[in-house]
Protein backbone atom coordinates (compact mmCIF):
# COMPACT_ATOMS: atom_id res chain seq x y z
CA UNK A 1 212.19 -40.65 -0.75
CA UNK A 2 212.75 -37.03 0.28
CA UNK A 3 210.82 -35.40 3.04
CA UNK A 4 209.24 -32.95 0.52
CA UNK A 5 207.89 -35.77 -1.65
CA UNK A 6 206.60 -37.62 1.50
CA UNK A 7 204.84 -34.51 2.52
CA UNK A 8 203.29 -34.05 -0.74
CA UNK A 9 201.97 -37.62 -0.99
CA UNK A 10 200.42 -37.10 2.54
CA UNK A 11 198.64 -33.85 1.30
CA UNK A 12 197.39 -35.68 -1.90
CA UNK A 13 196.24 -38.61 0.04
CA UNK A 14 194.12 -36.47 2.46
CA UNK A 15 192.49 -34.58 -0.51
CA UNK A 16 191.46 -37.91 -2.09
CA UNK A 17 189.86 -38.89 1.17
CA UNK A 18 187.90 -35.54 1.42
CA UNK A 19 186.75 -35.99 -2.26
CA UNK A 20 185.72 -39.56 -1.63
CA UNK A 21 183.70 -38.43 1.31
CA UNK A 22 182.07 -35.66 -0.71
CA UNK A 23 181.21 -38.19 -3.47
CA UNK A 24 179.53 -40.47 -0.90
CA UNK A 25 177.67 -37.60 0.47
CA UNK A 26 176.44 -36.75 -3.00
CA UNK A 27 175.40 -40.34 -3.66
CA UNK A 28 173.62 -40.56 -0.31
CA UNK A 29 171.84 -37.35 -1.17
CA UNK A 30 170.80 -38.81 -4.51
CA UNK A 31 169.76 -41.98 -3.05
CA UNK A 32 167.55 -40.18 -0.66
CA UNK A 33 166.15 -38.03 -3.43
CA UNK A 34 165.58 -41.19 -5.52
CA UNK A 35 163.83 -42.94 -2.64
CA UNK A 36 161.63 -39.92 -2.11
CA UNK A 37 160.82 -39.65 -5.83
CA UNK A 38 159.95 -43.27 -5.89
CA UNK A 39 157.74 -43.05 -2.95
CA UNK A 40 155.95 -40.07 -4.58
CA UNK A 41 155.60 -41.86 -7.89
CA UNK A 42 154.16 -45.05 -5.98
CA UNK A 43 151.76 -42.75 -4.17
CA UNK A 44 150.69 -41.29 -7.30
CA UNK A 45 150.19 -44.66 -9.03
CA UNK A 46 148.21 -45.70 -5.98
CA UNK A 47 146.03 -42.69 -6.11
CA UNK A 48 145.52 -43.20 -9.85
CA UNK A 49 144.58 -46.90 -9.19
CA UNK A 50 142.15 -45.93 -6.45
CA UNK A 51 140.70 -43.29 -8.73
CA UNK A 52 140.10 -45.82 -11.57
CA UNK A 53 138.60 -48.32 -9.14
CA UNK A 54 136.23 -45.58 -7.88
CA UNK A 55 135.43 -44.72 -11.52
CA UNK A 56 134.80 -48.52 -12.27
CA UNK A 57 132.43 -48.60 -9.36
CA UNK A 58 130.60 -45.58 -10.62
CA UNK A 59 130.49 -47.05 -14.16
CA UNK A 60 128.90 -50.23 -12.75
CA UNK A 61 126.25 -48.26 -10.89
CA UNK A 62 125.43 -46.04 -13.89
CA UNK A 63 125.16 -49.08 -16.26
CA UNK A 64 122.94 -51.02 -13.80
CA UNK A 65 120.62 -48.16 -12.80
CA UNK A 66 120.33 -46.86 -16.53
CA UNK A 67 119.20 -50.27 -17.30
CA UNK A 68 116.43 -50.13 -14.59
CA UNK A 69 115.41 -46.59 -15.66
CA UNK A 70 115.25 -47.75 -19.31
CA UNK A 71 112.93 -50.67 -18.35
CA UNK A 72 110.64 -48.65 -16.14
CA UNK A 73 107.13 -47.87 -17.31
CA UNK A 74 106.00 -44.65 -15.38
CA UNK A 75 102.75 -42.99 -15.09
CA UNK A 76 102.14 -39.28 -14.68
CA UNK A 77 101.85 -36.13 -16.81
CA UNK A 78 104.37 -34.01 -15.03
CA UNK A 79 108.01 -34.72 -14.36
CA UNK A 80 107.32 -34.60 -10.54
CA UNK A 81 104.67 -37.34 -11.01
CA UNK A 82 106.82 -39.43 -13.12
CA UNK A 83 109.76 -39.11 -10.61
CA UNK A 84 107.27 -40.37 -7.85
CA UNK A 85 106.14 -43.21 -10.10
CA UNK A 86 109.90 -43.98 -10.76
CA UNK A 87 110.66 -43.95 -7.03
CA UNK A 88 107.96 -46.63 -6.41
CA UNK A 89 109.33 -48.77 -9.22
CA UNK A 90 112.91 -48.55 -7.93
CA UNK A 91 111.73 -49.27 -4.33
CA UNK A 92 109.95 -52.40 -5.75
CA UNK A 93 112.90 -53.40 -7.61
CA UNK A 94 115.69 -52.84 -4.91
CA UNK A 95 114.38 -52.85 -1.33
CA UNK A 96 114.88 -55.86 0.48
CA UNK A 97 117.31 -57.47 -2.10
CA UNK A 98 121.06 -58.20 -1.79
CA UNK A 99 121.67 -55.10 -3.91
CA UNK A 100 121.29 -52.82 -0.88
CA UNK A 101 122.80 -53.12 2.62
CA UNK A 102 120.46 -54.91 5.22
CA UNK A 103 117.84 -52.40 6.15
CA UNK A 104 118.63 -49.83 3.61
CA UNK A 105 115.76 -48.66 1.27
CA UNK A 106 115.30 -46.29 -1.79
CA UNK A 107 113.86 -42.92 -0.50
CA UNK A 108 112.04 -40.04 -2.14
CA UNK A 109 111.63 -36.62 -0.56
CA UNK A 110 109.35 -35.07 -3.18
CA UNK A 111 112.31 -33.83 -5.39
CA UNK A 112 115.09 -36.36 -5.27
CA UNK A 113 115.21 -40.13 -5.26
CA UNK A 114 118.07 -41.30 -3.21
CA UNK A 115 119.54 -44.85 -3.73
CA UNK A 116 121.73 -46.06 -0.72
CA UNK A 117 124.96 -47.90 -0.95
CA UNK A 118 125.23 -50.53 -3.52
CA UNK A 119 128.15 -53.02 -2.91
CA UNK A 120 129.88 -53.38 -6.31
CA UNK A 121 132.80 -55.58 -4.99
CA UNK A 122 134.44 -56.33 -1.66
CA UNK A 123 135.85 -52.82 -1.49
CA UNK A 124 133.95 -50.82 -4.03
CA UNK A 125 130.43 -49.40 -3.64
CA UNK A 126 128.27 -46.67 -5.15
CA UNK A 127 125.40 -44.43 -4.23
CA UNK A 128 123.02 -42.49 -6.36
CA UNK A 129 120.55 -39.71 -6.73
CA UNK A 130 117.83 -38.91 -9.36
CA UNK A 131 116.25 -35.65 -9.75
CA UNK A 132 114.51 -33.18 -12.05
CA UNK A 133 117.14 -30.73 -13.40
CA UNK A 134 114.95 -28.79 -16.02
CA UNK A 135 111.63 -28.56 -17.46
CA UNK A 136 111.97 -31.78 -19.46
CA UNK A 137 115.04 -33.57 -18.13
CA UNK A 138 115.54 -36.10 -15.25
CA UNK A 139 119.35 -36.61 -14.06
CA UNK A 140 120.95 -39.58 -12.64
CA UNK A 141 124.15 -39.03 -10.65
CA UNK A 142 126.16 -42.06 -9.28
CA UNK A 143 129.13 -41.87 -7.09
CA UNK A 144 131.65 -44.71 -6.85
CA UNK A 145 133.71 -44.92 -3.78
CA UNK A 146 136.69 -47.09 -2.46
CA UNK A 147 138.67 -46.65 0.88
CA UNK A 148 142.20 -45.25 0.48
CA UNK A 149 143.45 -47.97 2.88
CA UNK A 150 141.42 -50.72 1.51
CA UNK A 151 140.17 -51.48 5.00
CA UNK A 152 136.90 -49.59 5.08
CA UNK A 153 138.50 -46.50 6.77
CA UNK A 154 137.01 -43.05 6.74
CA UNK A 155 139.18 -41.75 3.97
CA UNK A 156 137.92 -42.57 0.47
CA UNK A 157 138.36 -41.76 -3.17
CA UNK A 158 135.35 -41.06 -5.15
CA UNK A 159 134.43 -40.53 -8.87
CA UNK A 160 130.96 -39.23 -9.91
CA UNK A 161 129.21 -39.84 -13.18
CA UNK A 162 126.09 -38.17 -14.30
CA UNK A 163 123.77 -38.66 -17.28
CA UNK A 164 120.45 -37.12 -18.33
CA UNK A 165 117.16 -38.86 -19.52
CA UNK A 166 114.20 -37.43 -21.13
CA UNK A 167 110.72 -39.04 -20.85
CA UNK A 168 108.84 -40.22 -23.93
CA UNK A 169 105.81 -42.37 -24.65
CA UNK A 170 106.68 -45.39 -26.81
CA UNK A 171 104.14 -45.07 -29.60
CA UNK A 172 103.06 -45.92 -33.05
CA UNK A 173 104.87 -42.79 -34.31
CA UNK A 174 108.18 -44.48 -33.48
CA UNK A 175 107.72 -46.52 -36.61
CA UNK A 176 107.65 -45.94 -40.29
CA UNK A 177 104.69 -48.30 -40.54
CA UNK A 178 102.53 -49.23 -37.58
CA UNK A 179 99.59 -51.53 -38.31
CA UNK A 180 96.87 -52.88 -36.15
CA UNK A 181 96.27 -55.59 -38.84
CA UNK A 182 98.73 -57.58 -41.08
CA UNK A 183 101.33 -55.93 -43.20
CA UNK A 184 101.32 -57.63 -46.69
CA UNK A 185 103.97 -56.54 -49.13
CA UNK A 186 103.85 -58.30 -52.44
CA UNK A 187 106.52 -58.05 -55.19
CA UNK A 188 108.74 -56.13 -53.04
CA UNK A 189 109.14 -52.84 -51.19
CA UNK A 190 112.31 -50.74 -50.44
CA UNK A 191 111.46 -49.03 -47.27
CA UNK A 192 114.27 -46.69 -46.16
CA UNK A 193 114.93 -44.11 -43.50
CA UNK A 194 115.92 -40.61 -44.64
CA UNK A 195 118.18 -39.72 -41.59
CA UNK A 196 118.59 -43.06 -39.89
CA UNK A 197 117.38 -46.71 -40.45
CA UNK A 198 115.05 -46.86 -37.57
CA UNK A 199 112.66 -44.33 -39.27
CA UNK A 200 111.75 -47.11 -41.72
CA UNK A 201 110.74 -49.74 -39.11
CA UNK A 202 107.70 -51.95 -39.37
CA UNK A 203 105.39 -52.88 -36.45
CA UNK A 204 102.22 -55.06 -36.60
CA UNK A 205 99.86 -55.95 -33.79
CA UNK A 206 97.94 -58.56 -35.89
CA UNK A 207 97.55 -62.15 -34.54
CA UNK A 208 98.10 -65.02 -36.80
CA UNK A 209 99.67 -63.86 -39.99
CA UNK A 210 101.23 -60.46 -38.96
CA UNK A 211 103.83 -59.61 -41.59
CA UNK A 212 104.57 -61.05 -45.05
CA UNK A 213 107.19 -59.39 -47.34
CA UNK A 214 108.02 -61.12 -50.50
CA UNK A 215 111.10 -59.20 -51.40
CA UNK A 216 112.88 -55.93 -51.31
CA UNK A 217 114.61 -54.02 -48.37
CA UNK A 218 113.53 -52.83 -44.94
CA UNK A 219 115.96 -50.33 -43.50
CA UNK A 220 114.73 -50.57 -39.84
CA UNK A 221 113.36 -53.11 -37.43
CA UNK A 222 110.63 -55.54 -38.10
CA UNK A 223 108.52 -56.24 -35.03
CA UNK A 224 105.34 -57.85 -33.95
CA UNK A 225 103.21 -57.56 -30.75
CA UNK A 226 102.56 -61.11 -30.44
CA UNK A 227 105.33 -63.65 -29.78
CA UNK A 228 103.56 -66.35 -31.77
CA UNK A 229 102.65 -64.15 -34.69
CA UNK A 230 103.51 -65.64 -38.17
CA UNK A 231 106.08 -63.69 -39.99
CA UNK A 232 107.25 -64.52 -43.61
CA UNK A 233 110.03 -62.29 -44.75
CA UNK A 234 111.84 -62.60 -48.04
CA UNK A 235 113.24 -59.10 -47.85
CA UNK A 236 116.56 -58.03 -46.46
CA UNK A 237 116.08 -56.46 -43.07
CA UNK A 238 118.77 -54.15 -41.99
CA UNK A 239 117.91 -54.15 -38.17
CA UNK A 240 116.55 -57.03 -36.06
CA UNK A 241 113.45 -58.91 -36.51
CA UNK A 242 111.69 -59.16 -33.14
CA UNK A 243 108.55 -61.28 -32.38
CA UNK A 244 106.63 -60.27 -29.00
CA UNK A 245 107.95 -56.65 -28.80
CA UNK A 246 106.90 -54.26 -26.26
CA UNK A 247 103.33 -52.85 -26.89
CA UNK A 248 103.24 -49.35 -28.18
CA UNK A 249 100.71 -46.51 -27.51
CA UNK A 250 98.26 -45.94 -30.43
CA UNK A 251 97.03 -42.31 -30.71
CA UNK A 252 93.58 -41.42 -30.12
CA UNK A 253 91.91 -39.59 -33.17
CA UNK A 254 90.69 -35.99 -32.61
CA UNK A 255 90.08 -34.06 -35.71
CA UNK A 256 87.71 -31.59 -34.13
CA UNK A 257 90.31 -28.83 -34.57
CA UNK A 258 90.29 -29.07 -38.31
CA UNK A 259 86.44 -29.55 -38.97
CA UNK A 260 85.55 -25.75 -38.62
CA UNK A 261 87.78 -24.92 -41.46
CA UNK A 262 85.89 -27.00 -43.90
CA UNK A 263 83.25 -24.45 -44.78
CA UNK A 264 82.67 -24.92 -48.58
CA UNK A 265 80.06 -27.68 -49.36
CA UNK A 266 80.75 -30.30 -52.10
CA UNK A 267 77.51 -32.25 -52.85
CA UNK A 268 75.78 -33.92 -55.65
CA UNK A 269 75.17 -30.52 -57.47
CA UNK A 270 78.97 -29.65 -57.39
CA UNK A 271 80.94 -30.13 -60.62
CA UNK A 272 83.93 -32.07 -59.71
CA UNK A 273 84.67 -33.96 -63.04
CA UNK A 274 86.34 -30.97 -64.60
CA UNK A 275 88.86 -30.54 -61.93
CA UNK A 276 89.93 -27.01 -60.88
CA UNK A 277 90.80 -25.56 -57.33
CA UNK A 278 88.82 -26.33 -54.13
CA UNK A 279 89.65 -24.63 -50.79
CA UNK A 280 88.49 -25.82 -47.36
CA UNK A 281 85.73 -28.19 -48.55
CA UNK A 282 83.41 -30.42 -46.82
CA UNK A 283 82.14 -33.43 -48.96
CA UNK A 284 78.69 -34.34 -47.91
CA UNK A 285 77.72 -37.97 -47.05
CA UNK A 286 76.80 -40.13 -50.04
CA UNK A 287 78.10 -37.63 -52.62
CA UNK A 288 80.61 -40.14 -53.95
CA UNK A 289 82.36 -37.39 -56.05
CA UNK A 290 84.95 -38.28 -58.82
CA UNK A 291 87.68 -35.52 -59.61
CA UNK A 292 88.42 -36.64 -63.13
CA UNK A 293 90.85 -34.11 -64.09
CA UNK A 294 93.76 -32.22 -62.49
CA UNK A 295 92.85 -30.67 -59.30
CA UNK A 296 94.22 -28.34 -56.69
CA UNK A 297 93.06 -28.73 -53.09
CA UNK A 298 94.00 -26.10 -50.30
CA UNK A 299 93.26 -26.23 -46.73
CA UNK A 300 91.17 -28.88 -45.00
CA UNK A 301 89.10 -31.64 -47.01
CA UNK A 302 86.54 -33.17 -44.75
CA UNK A 303 84.90 -36.31 -46.06
CA UNK A 304 81.61 -37.36 -44.36
CA UNK A 305 80.60 -40.92 -44.02
CA UNK A 306 79.62 -42.84 -46.15
CA UNK A 307 81.49 -41.62 -49.21
CA UNK A 308 83.58 -43.13 -52.09
CA UNK A 309 85.82 -40.29 -53.27
CA UNK A 310 88.14 -40.80 -56.41
CA UNK A 311 90.88 -38.41 -57.57
CA UNK A 312 92.00 -39.68 -60.98
CA UNK A 313 94.71 -37.40 -62.24
CA UNK A 314 97.48 -35.00 -60.94
CA UNK A 315 96.41 -33.95 -57.39
CA UNK A 316 98.26 -30.99 -55.86
CA UNK A 317 97.20 -30.99 -52.37
CA UNK A 318 98.27 -28.33 -49.74
CA UNK A 319 96.55 -29.16 -46.42
CA UNK A 320 95.16 -31.98 -44.49
CA UNK A 321 92.40 -34.61 -45.37
CA UNK A 322 90.13 -35.97 -42.55
CA UNK A 323 87.20 -38.01 -42.47
CA UNK A 324 84.21 -38.66 -40.32
CA UNK A 325 84.48 -41.83 -38.29
CA UNK A 326 81.57 -44.17 -39.34
CA UNK A 327 82.19 -46.51 -36.40
CA UNK A 328 82.51 -50.20 -36.43
CA UNK A 329 80.78 -52.67 -38.61
CA UNK A 330 80.35 -50.59 -41.71
CA UNK A 331 80.99 -51.49 -45.26
CA UNK A 332 84.63 -50.79 -46.33
CA UNK A 333 83.56 -50.51 -49.96
CA UNK A 334 81.27 -47.52 -49.00
CA UNK A 335 84.18 -45.74 -47.16
CA UNK A 336 86.89 -45.45 -49.76
CA UNK A 337 89.24 -42.82 -51.01
CA UNK A 338 91.69 -43.34 -53.97
CA UNK A 339 94.28 -41.39 -55.57
CA UNK A 340 95.37 -42.37 -59.14
CA UNK A 341 98.35 -40.92 -60.89
CA UNK A 342 100.71 -38.19 -59.42
CA UNK A 343 99.81 -37.02 -55.96
CA UNK A 344 101.83 -34.31 -54.14
CA UNK A 345 100.85 -33.39 -50.64
CA UNK A 346 102.40 -30.20 -48.97
CA UNK A 347 101.98 -29.34 -45.37
CA UNK A 348 99.54 -26.76 -44.06
CA UNK A 349 102.54 -24.37 -43.31
CA UNK A 350 102.82 -24.03 -47.20
CA UNK A 351 99.33 -22.65 -47.55
CA UNK A 352 99.02 -19.02 -48.89
CA UNK A 353 99.51 -16.45 -46.25
CA UNK A 354 96.11 -15.20 -46.16
CA UNK A 355 93.34 -14.62 -43.54
CA UNK A 356 91.60 -17.73 -44.90
CA UNK A 357 94.50 -20.07 -44.08
CA UNK A 358 96.24 -18.17 -41.31
CA UNK A 359 95.11 -20.20 -38.22
CA UNK A 360 95.39 -23.44 -40.21
CA UNK A 361 99.00 -22.58 -41.20
CA UNK A 362 99.95 -23.03 -37.48
CA UNK A 363 98.77 -26.77 -37.37
CA UNK A 364 101.44 -28.73 -39.13
CA UNK A 365 102.44 -32.36 -39.16
CA UNK A 366 99.39 -34.12 -40.41
CA UNK A 367 98.44 -35.14 -44.01
CA UNK A 368 95.69 -37.82 -43.77
CA UNK A 369 93.48 -38.76 -40.84
CA UNK A 370 90.78 -41.10 -42.19
CA UNK A 371 89.37 -43.41 -39.42
CA UNK A 372 87.06 -45.98 -40.88
CA UNK A 373 88.18 -45.28 -44.51
CA UNK A 374 90.54 -47.10 -46.78
CA UNK A 375 93.13 -45.13 -48.55
CA UNK A 376 94.35 -46.21 -52.02
CA UNK A 377 97.44 -44.77 -53.61
CA UNK A 378 97.95 -45.98 -57.17
CA UNK A 379 101.11 -44.97 -59.26
CA UNK A 380 103.31 -42.25 -58.09
CA UNK A 381 103.17 -39.80 -55.39
CA UNK A 382 106.14 -37.50 -54.98
CA UNK A 383 105.80 -36.18 -51.35
CA UNK A 384 103.41 -36.40 -48.43
CA UNK A 385 104.07 -33.91 -45.76
CA UNK A 386 102.73 -35.19 -42.65
CA UNK A 387 101.34 -38.35 -40.88
CA UNK A 388 99.19 -40.74 -42.95
CA UNK A 389 96.46 -42.50 -40.79
CA UNK A 390 93.57 -44.63 -42.08
CA UNK A 391 91.53 -47.69 -41.35
CA UNK A 392 93.41 -49.51 -44.04
CA UNK A 393 95.88 -48.56 -46.90
CA UNK A 394 96.43 -50.05 -50.17
CA UNK A 395 99.34 -49.03 -52.40
CA UNK A 396 99.50 -50.26 -56.05
CA UNK A 397 101.98 -50.17 -58.86
CA UNK A 398 105.51 -48.78 -59.01
CA UNK A 399 104.96 -46.04 -56.48
CA UNK A 400 108.10 -43.97 -55.51
CA UNK A 401 107.71 -41.25 -52.89
CA UNK A 402 108.77 -39.47 -49.71
CA UNK A 403 106.64 -39.49 -46.49
CA UNK A 404 107.51 -36.81 -43.82
CA UNK A 405 105.90 -38.83 -40.85
CA UNK A 406 104.71 -42.13 -39.99
CA UNK A 407 102.06 -44.33 -41.70
CA UNK A 408 99.41 -45.63 -39.32
CA UNK A 409 97.04 -48.28 -40.19
CA UNK A 410 94.17 -48.31 -37.45
CA UNK A 411 92.09 -51.24 -38.54
CA UNK A 412 92.28 -54.91 -38.71
CA UNK A 413 92.54 -55.02 -42.49
CA UNK A 414 96.10 -53.67 -42.21
CA UNK A 415 98.22 -52.49 -45.24
CA UNK A 416 98.78 -53.97 -48.51
CA UNK A 417 101.67 -53.03 -50.98
CA UNK A 418 101.13 -54.54 -54.55
CA UNK A 419 103.99 -54.56 -57.04
CA UNK A 420 107.04 -52.72 -56.51
CA UNK A 421 107.34 -49.51 -54.29
CA UNK A 422 110.11 -47.34 -53.00
CA UNK A 423 109.10 -45.41 -49.93
CA UNK A 424 111.34 -43.07 -47.84
CA UNK A 425 110.29 -42.10 -44.40
CA UNK A 426 111.63 -38.92 -42.78
CA UNK A 427 110.23 -38.37 -39.26
CA UNK A 428 112.54 -35.55 -38.42
CA UNK A 429 110.56 -32.65 -40.12
CA UNK A 430 107.62 -32.37 -37.63
CA UNK A 431 108.95 -34.38 -34.60
CA UNK A 432 106.63 -36.67 -32.77
CA UNK A 433 102.93 -36.42 -32.41
CA UNK A 434 100.95 -33.99 -34.60
CA UNK A 435 97.53 -32.23 -34.78
CA UNK A 436 94.68 -34.60 -34.93
CA UNK A 437 96.15 -37.21 -32.58
CA UNK A 438 96.46 -37.53 -28.81
CA UNK A 439 98.99 -39.83 -27.16
CA UNK A 440 98.11 -41.48 -23.78
CA UNK A 441 100.10 -44.34 -22.12
CA UNK A 442 103.02 -45.22 -19.84
CA UNK A 443 106.05 -43.08 -20.04
CA UNK A 444 109.66 -44.31 -20.68
CA UNK A 445 113.05 -42.75 -20.25
CA UNK A 446 115.54 -42.29 -22.98
CA UNK A 447 119.20 -41.53 -22.19
CA UNK A 448 120.87 -38.41 -23.63
CA UNK A 449 124.35 -39.82 -24.48
CA UNK A 450 125.67 -36.48 -25.05
CA UNK A 451 124.99 -35.43 -21.30
CA UNK A 452 127.35 -38.11 -19.94
CA UNK A 453 130.12 -36.42 -17.59
CA UNK A 454 132.67 -37.61 -15.08
CA UNK A 455 133.84 -35.69 -12.10
CA UNK A 456 136.68 -36.99 -9.83
CA UNK A 457 137.01 -36.09 -6.14
CA UNK A 458 139.03 -37.23 -3.11
């Protein structure tokens, strides 16, 4: 080998060494970067894990406390009074139990209920606050927490969840049919909700035989107050059948706001057999009138007790019918109102826009308030705009109609459907309670699902 070739080889060999060192440096740098990236990814993964565990702690707390809030029966007329009542209920439920740390108690400062740490697991815990956030809303906020190091250190990861509740009174208005007495449905009733099945639910407070339904279809729930009540149901029930359900508030009848409108007297000298139009009438006690032909009724119809009133053909009624309460122990036969053939009841809001009806037009949601009287509906009615309440109710023949409101039976005789009927209940038009009724009773809290929100924090 020549010297030139040997020199060239040595030069090439040195370049290879330098290139190899450079490549090693690159790989070393890549390794360092890879390790750093891996550590970062592991840290991110750990943070995500901690955040999820904190969220699970908050969810556990929100589920548990929402259950307590839903079961609470509160007293008070304002949200502040309800919150104070709720604080007492939660204190009775949680203080001195294993749910809270030793010595910790629920506190209330006049505006906010504070629930101290609840241990969800060995590492997870949650705290909560409940406060009024607006004129009609109570908000529950729960914060789940987990230590970053998992050893109870001061650095933690938290996740907060909030949900709102609105107070309401569980009442007879929550049902399509509420009856103090038995519900007796003969040949079959299709009872359906216009907007949701629950609108067409049935509730009876009767002891012994409470509900008997031979056939048909019930869209909502079927419930009794007494757990040992007798129920015989041959119908298809879309929702649950529950014996021994929670009691509901029955509205107190107060028709005094309607009575002053009934200024036109109907007595034994009034010709009712030829039909016609009657505005704001007061039927005197013992008149026992029969409206034999097509009749139009506008405004308030006030029936004094006792009376037997019969509408025989084609009644178009825009307004509200109320009765004088005869009190207990009277003859049912002497306190009876029946509608035969084709009844349409429009709400007071559809009365003519005239001075005679201007004030009454502002009192919607009620169709019949007849304490002490039996109402009988025979053959078709098309629509009843408002709540129907009576001592007892009888429905005969193939009746098919829509009721914008609940049907309330206030007496022990209950309600009876004879032959086939199809009744649709729509409780959305007027909302809850209406004119002529006053609700009292314990308040409950209903969760607003749309208000659920999560907030993550470190």
